N, C-alpha and C. Protein backbone atom coordinates (compact mmCIF):
# COMPACT_ATOMS: atom_id res chain seq x y z
N UNK A 1 -0.46 26.31 -2.30
CA UNK A 1 1.20 26.41 -0.87
C UNK A 1 2.31 26.30 -2.50
N UNK A 2 3.32 26.36 -2.28
CA UNK A 2 4.30 25.98 -3.38
C UNK A 2 5.38 25.41 -2.27
N UNK A 3 5.62 24.47 -2.54
CA UNK A 3 7.18 23.81 -1.54
C UNK A 3 8.61 24.15 -2.55
N UNK A 4 9.84 24.19 -2.25
CA UNK A 4 10.70 24.53 -2.82
C UNK A 4 11.78 24.15 -2.16
N UNK A 5 12.93 24.00 -2.87
CA UNK A 5 14.46 23.74 -3.00
C UNK A 5 15.39 24.14 -3.63
N UNK A 6 16.35 25.15 -3.38
CA UNK A 6 16.84 25.83 -4.02
C UNK A 6 15.98 26.37 -5.52
N UNK A 7 16.75 26.01 -6.79
CA UNK A 7 15.96 26.28 -7.90
C UNK A 7 14.74 25.59 -8.65
N UNK A 8 13.87 24.62 -7.31
CA UNK A 8 13.64 23.72 -7.97
C UNK A 8 11.83 23.92 -6.81
N UNK A 9 10.74 23.79 -7.62
CA UNK A 9 9.32 24.79 -6.96
C UNK A 9 8.39 23.43 -7.15
N UNK A 10 7.99 22.89 -6.54
CA UNK A 10 6.43 22.20 -6.23
C UNK A 10 4.98 22.76 -6.10
N UNK A 11 4.08 23.57 -7.47
CA UNK A 11 3.34 24.34 -7.50
C UNK A 11 2.21 23.53 -7.57
N UNK A 12 1.10 23.75 -7.13
CA UNK A 12 -0.41 23.26 -7.64
C UNK A 12 -0.66 23.35 -9.05
N UNK A 13 -0.89 22.15 -10.02
CA UNK A 13 -0.89 22.79 -10.99
C UNK A 13 -2.41 23.69 -11.46
N UNK A 14 -2.64 24.41 -12.41
CA UNK A 14 -3.97 25.26 -12.74
C UNK A 14 -3.85 24.95 -14.08
N UNK A 15 -5.79 25.91 -14.49
CA UNK A 15 -5.81 25.17 -15.63
C UNK A 15 -5.08 26.32 -17.11
N UNK A 16 -4.89 27.20 -15.99
CA UNK A 16 -4.31 28.49 -17.17
C UNK A 16 -2.70 27.36 -17.64
N UNK A 17 -2.22 26.60 -16.97
CA UNK A 17 -1.12 25.81 -17.42
C UNK A 17 -1.23 24.96 -18.38
N UNK A 18 -2.09 25.13 -19.09
CA UNK A 18 -2.73 23.60 -20.04
C UNK A 18 -1.41 23.98 -21.43
N UNK A 19 -1.62 25.06 -22.04
CA UNK A 19 -0.46 25.01 -23.27
C UNK A 19 0.79 24.79 -22.76
N UNK A 20 1.21 25.08 -21.82
CA UNK A 20 2.75 24.63 -21.34
C UNK A 20 2.88 23.28 -21.04
N UNK A 21 1.79 23.00 -20.34
CA UNK A 21 1.90 21.68 -20.01
C UNK A 21 1.69 20.62 -20.97
N UNK A 22 0.79 20.80 -21.82
CA UNK A 22 0.40 19.94 -23.27
C UNK A 22 1.97 20.21 -24.05
N UNK A 23 2.17 21.24 -23.97
CA UNK A 23 3.51 21.23 -25.54
C UNK A 23 4.59 20.61 -24.85
N UNK A 24 4.85 20.25 -23.03
CA UNK A 24 6.11 19.47 -22.35
C UNK A 24 5.58 18.05 -22.72
N UNK A 25 4.21 17.79 -21.91
CA UNK A 25 3.85 16.37 -22.64
C UNK A 25 4.02 15.91 -23.98
N UNK A 26 4.07 17.07 -24.81
CA UNK A 26 3.99 16.28 -26.56
C UNK A 26 5.36 16.05 -27.01
N UNK A 27 6.13 17.38 -26.52
CA UNK A 27 7.92 16.89 -27.02
C UNK A 27 7.86 15.53 -26.09
N UNK A 28 7.79 15.36 -25.10
CA UNK A 28 7.90 13.77 -24.54
C UNK A 28 7.45 12.65 -24.42
N UNK A 29 6.58 12.80 -26.10
CA UNK A 29 5.69 12.10 -25.90
C UNK A 29 6.25 10.69 -25.80
N UNK A 30 7.37 10.04 -27.15
CA UNK A 30 8.21 8.66 -26.53
C UNK A 30 8.73 8.08 -25.51
N UNK A 31 9.21 9.28 -24.43
CA UNK A 31 9.77 9.17 -23.39
C UNK A 31 8.63 8.64 -22.50
N UNK A 32 7.62 9.56 -22.26
CA UNK A 32 6.32 9.01 -21.29
C UNK A 32 5.74 7.93 -21.71
N UNK A 33 5.30 8.03 -23.08
CA UNK A 33 4.24 7.15 -23.30
C UNK A 33 4.28 5.90 -22.99
N UNK A 34 5.50 5.11 -22.81
CA UNK A 34 5.38 3.74 -22.23
C UNK A 34 4.78 3.55 -20.52
N UNK A 35 4.76 4.50 -19.99
CA UNK A 35 4.49 4.65 -18.51
C UNK A 35 3.02 4.96 -18.22
N UNK A 36 2.24 5.14 -19.25
CA UNK A 36 1.04 6.13 -19.13
C UNK A 36 -0.02 5.27 -18.73
N UNK A 37 -0.88 5.94 -17.69
CA UNK A 37 -2.02 5.27 -17.78
C UNK A 37 -3.10 5.10 -18.67
N UNK A 38 -3.70 4.20 -18.67
CA UNK A 38 -5.15 3.99 -19.70
C UNK A 38 -6.03 3.16 -18.65
N UNK A 39 -7.54 3.47 -19.84
CA UNK A 39 -8.42 2.45 -19.44
C UNK A 39 -8.31 1.97 -19.98
N UNK A 40 -8.96 0.72 -18.95
CA UNK A 40 -9.44 -0.57 -19.68
C UNK A 40 -10.75 -0.63 -19.67
N UNK A 41 -11.72 0.18 -19.58
CA UNK A 41 -12.74 0.27 -20.13
C UNK A 41 -13.21 0.16 -21.45
N UNK A 42 -14.36 -0.23 -21.44
CA UNK A 42 -14.51 -0.26 -22.95
C UNK A 42 -14.43 1.09 -23.21
N UNK A 43 -14.21 1.41 -24.50
CA UNK A 43 -13.95 2.85 -25.73
C UNK A 43 -12.61 3.59 -24.47
N UNK A 44 -12.15 3.02 -23.26
CA UNK A 44 -10.69 3.40 -22.65
C UNK A 44 -10.75 5.35 -22.76
N UNK A 45 -11.66 5.64 -22.20
CA UNK A 45 -11.92 7.34 -22.16
C UNK A 45 -10.96 7.29 -20.87
N UNK A 46 -10.25 8.79 -21.46
CA UNK A 46 -9.42 9.26 -20.29
C UNK A 46 -9.55 10.79 -20.52
N UNK A 47 -9.68 11.21 -19.41
CA UNK A 47 -10.13 13.01 -19.40
C UNK A 47 -9.00 13.77 -19.87
N UNK A 48 -9.65 15.03 -20.60
CA UNK A 48 -8.96 15.71 -21.17
C UNK A 48 -8.20 16.65 -20.29
N UNK A 49 -7.45 17.63 -20.48
CA UNK A 49 -6.49 18.69 -19.90
C UNK A 49 -6.93 19.07 -18.28
N UNK A 50 -8.33 19.64 -18.83
CA UNK A 50 -9.19 20.76 -17.40
C UNK A 50 -10.37 19.65 -17.29
N UNK A 51 -10.22 18.90 -17.33
CA UNK A 51 -11.26 17.38 -16.65
C UNK A 51 -10.49 16.88 -15.39
N UNK A 52 -8.80 16.67 -16.15
CA UNK A 52 -7.50 16.42 -15.19
C UNK A 52 -7.57 16.94 -13.85
N UNK A 53 -7.28 18.26 -14.61
CA UNK A 53 -6.96 19.48 -13.32
C UNK A 53 -8.18 19.48 -12.60
N UNK A 54 -9.66 19.56 -12.88
CA UNK A 54 -10.72 19.73 -12.34
C UNK A 54 -10.47 18.24 -11.17
N UNK A 55 -10.55 17.54 -11.64
CA UNK A 55 -10.40 16.46 -11.05
C UNK A 55 -9.70 15.90 -9.49
N UNK A 56 -8.58 16.57 -9.79
CA UNK A 56 -7.60 16.72 -9.08
C UNK A 56 -7.12 17.80 -7.68
N UNK A 57 -8.18 18.78 -8.36
CA UNK A 57 -8.46 20.01 -7.67
C UNK A 57 -9.43 19.62 -6.63
N UNK A 58 -10.45 18.67 -7.20
CA UNK A 58 -11.31 18.22 -6.46
C UNK A 58 -10.72 16.76 -4.93
N UNK A 59 -10.13 16.34 -5.53
CA UNK A 59 -9.62 15.19 -4.93
C UNK A 59 -8.58 16.31 -3.33
N UNK A 60 -7.75 17.36 -4.10
CA UNK A 60 -7.23 18.31 -3.19
C UNK A 60 -8.13 19.07 -2.04
N UNK A 61 -9.35 19.13 -2.27
CA UNK A 61 -9.97 20.00 -1.88
C UNK A 61 -10.76 18.84 -0.54
N UNK A 62 -11.11 18.04 -1.29
CA UNK A 62 -11.28 16.55 -0.22
C UNK A 62 -10.20 16.42 0.69
N UNK A 63 -8.77 16.80 0.46
CA UNK A 63 -7.63 16.41 1.41
C UNK A 63 -7.58 14.58 0.99
N UNK A 64 -7.71 14.15 -0.49
CA UNK A 64 -7.16 12.90 -0.49
C UNK A 64 -5.92 13.04 -1.47
N UNK A 65 -5.78 14.43 -1.87
CA UNK A 65 -4.50 14.19 -2.97
C UNK A 65 -3.95 15.66 -3.11
N UNK A 66 -2.50 16.05 -3.54
CA UNK A 66 -1.72 16.83 -3.64
C UNK A 66 -1.27 17.19 -4.92
N UNK A 67 -1.76 17.69 -6.09
CA UNK A 67 -1.50 17.65 -7.67
C UNK A 67 -0.78 19.15 -7.97
N UNK A 68 1.10 19.09 -7.97
CA UNK A 68 1.82 19.62 -8.37
C UNK A 68 2.20 19.32 -9.60
N UNK A 69 2.87 20.29 -10.49
CA UNK A 69 3.81 20.69 -11.37
C UNK A 69 5.13 20.99 -10.74
N UNK A 70 6.18 20.55 -11.70
CA UNK A 70 7.31 20.65 -10.83
C UNK A 70 7.96 21.24 -11.99
N UNK A 71 8.67 22.83 -11.31
CA UNK A 71 9.21 24.35 -12.05
C UNK A 71 10.69 23.82 -11.62
N UNK A 72 11.61 24.88 -12.41
CA UNK A 72 12.32 24.76 -12.19
C UNK A 72 12.88 26.36 -12.62
N UNK A 73 13.80 26.86 -11.37
CA UNK A 73 14.17 28.25 -11.99
C UNK A 73 15.21 27.90 -12.91
N UNK A 74 14.88 28.98 -14.41
CA UNK A 74 16.01 29.01 -15.41
C UNK A 74 16.27 30.47 -15.22
N UNK A 75 17.10 31.18 -15.38
CA UNK A 75 16.79 32.78 -15.62
C UNK A 75 16.02 33.09 -14.96
N UNK A 76 15.29 34.38 -15.35
CA UNK A 76 14.18 35.08 -14.38
C UNK A 76 12.60 34.40 -14.72
N UNK A 77 12.95 32.52 -15.53
CA UNK A 77 11.61 32.18 -15.47
C UNK A 77 11.64 30.95 -14.55
N UNK A 78 10.32 30.21 -14.24
CA UNK A 78 10.21 28.80 -13.57
C UNK A 78 9.12 28.23 -14.34
N UNK A 79 9.82 27.46 -15.39
CA UNK A 79 8.88 26.49 -16.80
C UNK A 79 8.49 25.14 -15.91
N UNK A 80 7.32 24.59 -16.64
CA UNK A 80 7.00 23.86 -15.92
C UNK A 80 8.27 22.53 -16.75
N UNK A 81 8.47 21.54 -15.47
CA UNK A 81 9.60 20.04 -16.35
C UNK A 81 8.74 18.90 -15.48
N UNK A 82 7.66 18.61 -14.96
CA UNK A 82 7.58 17.64 -14.91
C UNK A 82 6.27 17.99 -14.05
N UNK A 83 5.68 16.57 -13.83
CA UNK A 83 4.27 16.68 -12.73
C UNK A 83 4.74 15.61 -11.13
N UNK A 84 3.82 16.43 -10.47
CA UNK A 84 3.99 14.97 -9.17
C UNK A 84 2.81 15.36 -8.73
N UNK A 85 2.01 13.75 -8.36
CA UNK A 85 1.28 13.84 -7.63
C UNK A 85 1.46 12.91 -6.00
N UNK A 86 0.92 13.58 -5.26
CA UNK A 86 0.55 12.64 -4.27
C UNK A 86 -0.91 12.38 -4.15
N UNK A 87 -1.54 11.10 -4.36
CA UNK A 87 -2.90 10.39 -4.23
C UNK A 87 -3.05 9.64 -3.32
N UNK A 88 -4.33 9.18 -2.91
CA UNK A 88 -4.65 8.04 -2.31
C UNK A 88 -4.36 8.26 -0.54
N UNK A 89 -4.48 9.25 -0.42
CA UNK A 89 -4.30 9.99 0.95
C UNK A 89 -5.15 8.95 2.12
N UNK A 90 -4.96 8.28 2.85
CA UNK A 90 -5.56 7.79 3.81
C UNK A 90 -5.02 8.35 5.17
N UNK A 91 -6.29 8.94 5.67
CA UNK A 91 -6.28 9.33 7.29
C UNK A 91 -6.46 8.42 7.90
N UNK A 92 -6.67 8.67 9.14
CA UNK A 92 -7.86 7.51 10.69
C UNK A 92 -5.98 6.79 10.72
N UNK A 93 -6.13 5.36 10.92
CA UNK A 93 -4.98 4.55 11.16
C UNK A 93 -3.90 4.26 10.26
N UNK A 94 -4.36 4.68 9.06
CA UNK A 94 -3.25 4.17 8.16
C UNK A 94 -2.02 5.60 7.97
N UNK A 95 -3.01 6.55 7.99
CA UNK A 95 -1.67 7.60 7.53
C UNK A 95 -1.08 7.74 6.38
N UNK A 96 -1.05 6.97 5.14
CA UNK A 96 -0.36 6.96 4.05
C UNK A 96 -1.14 7.37 3.25
N UNK A 97 -0.12 7.56 1.98
CA UNK A 97 -0.64 8.13 0.32
C UNK A 97 0.69 7.14 -0.77
N UNK A 98 0.07 7.64 -1.89
CA UNK A 98 1.05 6.77 -2.93
C UNK A 98 1.62 8.20 -3.96
N UNK A 99 2.33 8.16 -4.44
CA UNK A 99 3.41 9.23 -5.45
C UNK A 99 3.31 9.17 -6.78
N UNK A 100 3.07 9.33 -7.59
CA UNK A 100 3.67 9.64 -9.01
C UNK A 100 4.39 10.83 -9.36
N UNK A 101 5.14 10.68 -10.81
CA UNK A 101 6.06 11.60 -10.57
C UNK A 101 6.44 11.40 -11.95
N UNK A 102 6.74 12.26 -12.97
CA UNK A 102 7.17 12.05 -14.19
C UNK A 102 8.10 13.75 -14.65
N UNK A 103 9.26 13.50 -15.31
CA UNK A 103 10.04 14.41 -15.29
C UNK A 103 10.36 14.38 -16.98
N UNK A 104 10.66 15.80 -17.54
CA UNK A 104 10.94 15.65 -18.80
C UNK A 104 12.39 15.32 -19.34
N UNK A 105 12.35 14.71 -20.73
CA UNK A 105 13.90 13.61 -20.81
C UNK A 105 14.55 14.47 -20.48
N UNK A 106 14.77 15.94 -21.01
CA UNK A 106 15.81 16.59 -21.29
C UNK A 106 15.98 16.99 -19.63
N UNK A 107 15.64 17.08 -18.52
CA UNK A 107 15.70 16.96 -17.56
C UNK A 107 16.37 16.13 -16.31
N UNK A 108 15.61 15.17 -17.14
CA UNK A 108 16.05 13.58 -16.46
C UNK A 108 17.73 13.77 -15.93
N UNK A 109 18.08 12.91 -14.78
CA UNK A 109 19.21 12.55 -14.57
C UNK A 109 20.19 13.94 -13.94
N UNK A 110 19.30 14.83 -13.56
CA UNK A 110 19.83 16.19 -12.45
C UNK A 110 19.48 16.37 -11.42
N UNK A 111 18.56 15.25 -10.93
CA UNK A 111 18.13 15.17 -9.52
C UNK A 111 16.71 16.05 -9.01
N UNK A 112 16.32 16.12 -10.21
CA UNK A 112 14.98 16.80 -10.12
C UNK A 112 13.94 16.02 -9.64
N UNK A 113 13.94 14.61 -10.32
CA UNK A 113 12.99 13.83 -9.86
C UNK A 113 12.73 13.78 -8.32
N UNK A 114 14.48 13.44 -7.97
CA UNK A 114 14.48 12.93 -6.41
C UNK A 114 13.92 14.04 -5.44
N UNK A 115 14.84 15.16 -5.79
CA UNK A 115 14.44 16.60 -5.41
C UNK A 115 13.36 16.48 -5.16
N UNK A 116 12.13 16.52 -5.80
CA UNK A 116 10.85 17.10 -5.76
C UNK A 116 10.40 15.71 -4.95
N UNK A 117 10.46 14.12 -5.17
CA UNK A 117 10.15 13.14 -4.46
C UNK A 117 10.01 13.35 -3.07
N UNK A 118 11.46 13.79 -2.58
CA UNK A 118 11.73 14.39 -1.00
C UNK A 118 10.81 15.33 -0.20
N UNK A 119 10.88 16.33 -1.45
CA UNK A 119 10.04 17.39 -0.88
C UNK A 119 8.54 17.48 -1.22
N UNK A 120 8.03 16.53 -1.74
CA UNK A 120 6.74 16.29 -1.01
C UNK A 120 6.59 15.44 -0.14
N UNK A 121 7.70 14.42 0.20
CA UNK A 121 7.96 13.39 1.00
C UNK A 121 7.81 13.86 2.27
N UNK A 122 8.43 14.61 3.02
CA UNK A 122 8.75 15.56 4.12
C UNK A 122 7.14 16.46 4.30
N UNK A 123 7.11 17.40 3.08
CA UNK A 123 5.89 18.03 3.69
C UNK A 123 4.35 16.95 4.06
N UNK A 124 4.40 15.80 3.45
CA UNK A 124 3.01 15.06 3.89
C UNK A 124 4.14 14.49 5.32
N UNK A 125 4.62 13.87 5.75
CA UNK A 125 5.36 13.20 6.81
C UNK A 125 5.29 14.50 7.88
N UNK A 126 6.09 15.62 7.90
CA UNK A 126 6.23 16.70 8.45
C UNK A 126 4.98 17.77 8.80
N UNK A 127 3.96 18.23 8.06
CA UNK A 127 3.37 19.02 7.85
C UNK A 127 2.03 17.98 7.72
N UNK A 128 1.84 17.29 7.57
CA UNK A 128 1.07 16.78 7.01
C UNK A 128 0.30 15.68 8.48
N UNK A 129 1.74 15.13 8.40
CA UNK A 129 1.18 14.07 10.19
C UNK A 129 1.18 12.60 9.43
N UNK A 130 1.48 12.30 7.89
CA UNK A 130 1.22 11.03 7.13
C UNK A 130 2.56 9.83 7.75
N UNK A 131 2.45 8.92 7.81
CA UNK A 131 3.13 8.18 8.38
C UNK A 131 4.04 6.98 7.12
N UNK A 132 3.47 7.13 6.27
CA UNK A 132 3.82 5.81 5.18
C UNK A 132 3.97 6.90 3.69
N UNK A 133 4.53 6.65 2.69
CA UNK A 133 4.45 7.01 1.69
C UNK A 133 5.14 5.89 0.50
N UNK A 134 4.19 5.54 -0.60
CA UNK A 134 4.48 4.53 -1.58
C UNK A 134 4.78 5.13 -2.62
N UNK A 135 5.41 4.25 -3.60
CA UNK A 135 5.81 4.37 -4.97
C UNK A 135 5.96 3.31 -5.84
N UNK A 136 4.89 3.04 -6.79
CA UNK A 136 4.86 2.03 -7.78
C UNK A 136 5.17 2.14 -8.84
N UNK A 137 6.59 1.58 -9.48
CA UNK A 137 7.09 1.60 -10.66
C UNK A 137 6.91 0.17 -11.31
N UNK A 138 6.40 0.41 -12.75
CA UNK A 138 6.88 -0.75 -13.46
C UNK A 138 8.67 -1.07 -13.65
N UNK A 139 8.68 -2.48 -13.30
CA UNK A 139 10.20 -3.03 -13.26
C UNK A 139 11.04 -2.78 -14.15
N UNK A 140 10.87 -2.15 -15.40
CA UNK A 140 11.29 -2.13 -16.41
C UNK A 140 11.53 -0.38 -16.78
N UNK A 141 11.04 0.50 -16.06
CA UNK A 141 11.20 1.44 -15.81
C UNK A 141 12.14 2.17 -14.95
N UNK A 142 13.45 1.95 -15.69
CA UNK A 142 15.21 2.07 -14.68
C UNK A 142 15.09 3.55 -14.32
N UNK A 143 14.78 4.54 -15.14
CA UNK A 143 14.78 6.20 -14.49
C UNK A 143 14.35 6.15 -12.99
N UNK A 144 12.93 5.93 -13.10
CA UNK A 144 11.86 5.73 -12.11
C UNK A 144 12.90 5.20 -10.91
N UNK A 145 12.70 3.75 -11.04
CA UNK A 145 13.76 2.89 -10.05
C UNK A 145 14.82 3.83 -9.59
N UNK A 146 15.67 4.34 -10.19
CA UNK A 146 16.94 5.08 -10.02
C UNK A 146 16.45 6.18 -8.86
N UNK A 147 15.49 6.78 -9.09
CA UNK A 147 14.90 7.49 -8.13
C UNK A 147 14.65 7.12 -6.52
N UNK A 148 13.62 6.12 -6.50
CA UNK A 148 13.31 5.30 -5.68
C UNK A 148 14.86 5.04 -4.61
N UNK A 149 15.37 4.55 -5.51
CA UNK A 149 17.47 3.58 -4.74
C UNK A 149 17.72 4.76 -4.28
N UNK A 150 17.92 6.02 -5.39
CA UNK A 150 19.08 7.06 -4.49
C UNK A 150 18.41 7.67 -3.32
N UNK A 151 17.02 7.66 -2.83
CA UNK A 151 16.43 8.26 -1.84
C UNK A 151 15.96 7.41 -0.68
N UNK A 152 16.35 5.66 -0.98
CA UNK A 152 16.35 4.61 -0.05
C UNK A 152 15.07 4.38 0.41
N UNK A 153 14.24 4.48 -0.85
CA UNK A 153 12.95 3.58 -0.51
C UNK A 153 12.92 2.39 -0.66
N UNK A 154 12.04 1.71 0.16
CA UNK A 154 12.72 0.26 0.76
C UNK A 154 11.83 -0.85 -0.40
N UNK A 155 12.15 -1.60 -0.95
CA UNK A 155 11.43 -2.55 -1.80
C UNK A 155 10.54 -3.24 -1.34
N UNK A 156 9.53 -3.64 -1.74
CA UNK A 156 8.03 -4.35 -0.78
C UNK A 156 7.65 -5.59 -1.50
N UNK A 157 8.59 -5.52 -3.38
CA UNK A 157 8.08 -6.24 -3.99
C UNK A 157 6.91 -6.31 -5.09
N UNK A 158 6.52 -6.94 -6.00
CA UNK A 158 6.07 -6.95 -7.15
C UNK A 158 4.46 -6.96 -6.80
N UNK A 159 3.63 -6.22 -7.57
CA UNK A 159 1.88 -6.25 -7.28
C UNK A 159 1.96 -6.41 -8.72
N UNK A 160 1.01 -7.78 -9.21
CA UNK A 160 1.01 -8.14 -10.39
C UNK A 160 -0.04 -7.18 -10.70
N UNK A 161 -0.48 -7.20 -11.77
CA UNK A 161 -1.10 -6.69 -12.76
C UNK A 161 -1.85 -5.47 -12.15
N UNK A 162 -1.23 -4.21 -11.07
CA UNK A 162 -1.41 -3.54 -10.59
C UNK A 162 -2.04 -2.57 -11.20
N UNK A 163 -1.23 -1.92 -12.27
CA UNK A 163 -2.40 -0.59 -12.97
C UNK A 163 -2.14 -1.15 -14.75
N UNK A 164 -3.43 -0.56 -14.81
CA UNK A 164 -3.36 -0.46 -16.84
C UNK A 164 -3.03 0.69 -17.14
N UNK A 165 -1.74 0.42 -17.55
CA UNK A 165 -0.64 0.96 -18.36
C UNK A 165 -0.36 0.89 -19.96
N UNK A 166 -0.34 2.29 -20.64
CA UNK A 166 -0.33 2.05 -21.90
C UNK A 166 -0.62 0.61 -22.79
N UNK A 167 -2.01 0.59 -22.64
CA UNK A 167 -3.15 -0.52 -22.89
C UNK A 167 -3.03 -1.77 -22.58
N UNK A 168 -2.36 -1.75 -21.50
CA UNK A 168 -2.35 -3.71 -20.64
C UNK A 168 -1.99 -3.33 -19.25
N UNK A 169 -2.63 -4.50 -18.63
CA UNK A 169 -2.59 -4.52 -17.02
C UNK A 169 -1.09 -4.78 -16.76
N UNK A 170 -0.32 -4.01 -16.25
CA UNK A 170 1.07 -4.23 -15.93
C UNK A 170 1.56 -4.47 -14.12
N UNK A 171 2.37 -5.48 -14.00
CA UNK A 171 3.18 -5.66 -12.74
C UNK A 171 3.79 -3.91 -12.62
N UNK A 172 4.18 -3.98 -11.08
CA UNK A 172 4.94 -2.98 -10.38
C UNK A 172 5.34 -3.33 -9.43
N UNK A 173 6.42 -2.94 -9.26
CA UNK A 173 7.25 -2.81 -7.63
C UNK A 173 7.02 -1.73 -7.04
N UNK A 174 6.58 -1.97 -5.92
CA UNK A 174 6.26 -1.30 -4.54
C UNK A 174 7.29 -1.18 -3.83
N UNK A 175 7.17 0.16 -3.39
CA UNK A 175 8.50 0.78 -2.93
C UNK A 175 7.86 2.02 -1.81
N UNK A 176 8.33 1.88 -0.60
CA UNK A 176 7.66 2.31 0.68
C UNK A 176 9.07 2.89 1.87
N UNK A 177 8.23 4.04 2.12
CA UNK A 177 9.45 4.44 3.15
C UNK A 177 8.24 5.18 4.35
N UNK A 178 9.03 5.06 5.39
CA UNK A 178 7.78 6.00 6.72
C UNK A 178 8.98 6.96 7.33
N UNK A 179 8.25 8.02 7.98
CA UNK A 179 8.72 8.71 8.53
C UNK A 179 9.72 8.19 9.64
N UNK A 180 9.66 7.13 10.19
CA UNK A 180 10.90 6.47 11.19
C UNK A 180 11.75 6.88 10.92
N UNK A 181 11.98 6.15 9.44
CA UNK A 181 12.72 5.95 8.49
C UNK A 181 14.04 7.04 8.38
N UNK A 182 13.21 8.21 8.17
CA UNK A 182 14.02 9.54 8.08
C UNK A 182 13.69 10.41 9.33
N UNK A 183 14.25 10.33 10.40
CA UNK A 183 14.28 11.46 11.10
C UNK A 183 14.38 12.54 11.15
N UNK A 184 15.62 13.03 10.31
CA UNK A 184 16.18 14.43 10.04
C UNK A 184 15.41 14.82 8.95
N UNK A 185 14.55 13.98 8.04
CA UNK A 185 13.89 14.82 6.79
C UNK A 185 14.24 14.21 5.88
N UNK A 186 13.79 13.65 4.65
CA UNK A 186 14.29 12.86 3.39
C UNK A 186 14.75 13.91 2.45
N UNK A 187 14.21 15.11 2.36
CA UNK A 187 15.23 16.25 1.35
C UNK A 187 16.64 16.37 1.85
N UNK A 188 16.64 16.04 3.20
CA UNK A 188 17.77 16.56 4.14
C UNK A 188 19.01 15.60 3.38
N UNK A 189 18.19 14.31 4.12
CA UNK A 189 19.50 13.29 3.47
C UNK A 189 19.88 13.21 2.26
N UNK A 190 19.06 12.95 1.15
CA UNK A 190 18.54 13.28 -0.12
C UNK A 190 19.75 14.04 -0.33
N UNK A 191 20.16 15.87 0.19
CA UNK A 191 20.95 16.58 -0.12
C UNK A 191 21.88 16.47 0.43
N UNK A 192 21.94 16.00 1.32
CA UNK A 192 23.77 15.52 1.69
C UNK A 192 24.09 14.90 0.88
N UNK A 193 23.56 13.50 0.45
CA UNK A 193 24.34 12.57 -0.50
C UNK A 193 24.81 13.26 -1.78
N UNK A 194 23.64 14.41 -2.39
CA UNK A 194 23.49 14.44 -3.59
C UNK A 194 24.56 15.73 -3.81
N UNK A 195 24.87 16.51 -2.60
CA UNK A 195 25.98 17.51 -3.60
C UNK A 195 27.15 17.14 -3.31
């Protein structure tokens, strides 16, 4: 499944994206490394690209994640400009999920991340029937904080030592939004504000 809004697309991540994805990550190493998940276990093993895609696709089949790459129409091409993953989908009485994303430095500040987050959130609310979306961000990550503020996510406070990031446990600010807070859809509200 592919989600789209004008020149922006969210499509499933694929094994054959490896070269393009790896080159994009390499070009953005300094931009992304302060926010990178790390493994606190002895040896700190992190999966390689194919292991990551295999794990994400397995989670997607189990209906616990939606792994996307963000692509943008540029002429006749649609290069990858970032990644967005809805994870930790909980069904039953919770109907909640957590969303994470990154965008290449040269595409930041152009509305790509807010549009991608709005697209995925609307899909989760209106197609999957989820009730709540959560985004957790390092307090120092000004670019990501700007995304949730633009979209109207509610600040729910600090989560102490929430994730292991760049080699140490890091506090995160937790932001959330429920379907009831955006009855007309988050994308529609964002595009009306953004234009």
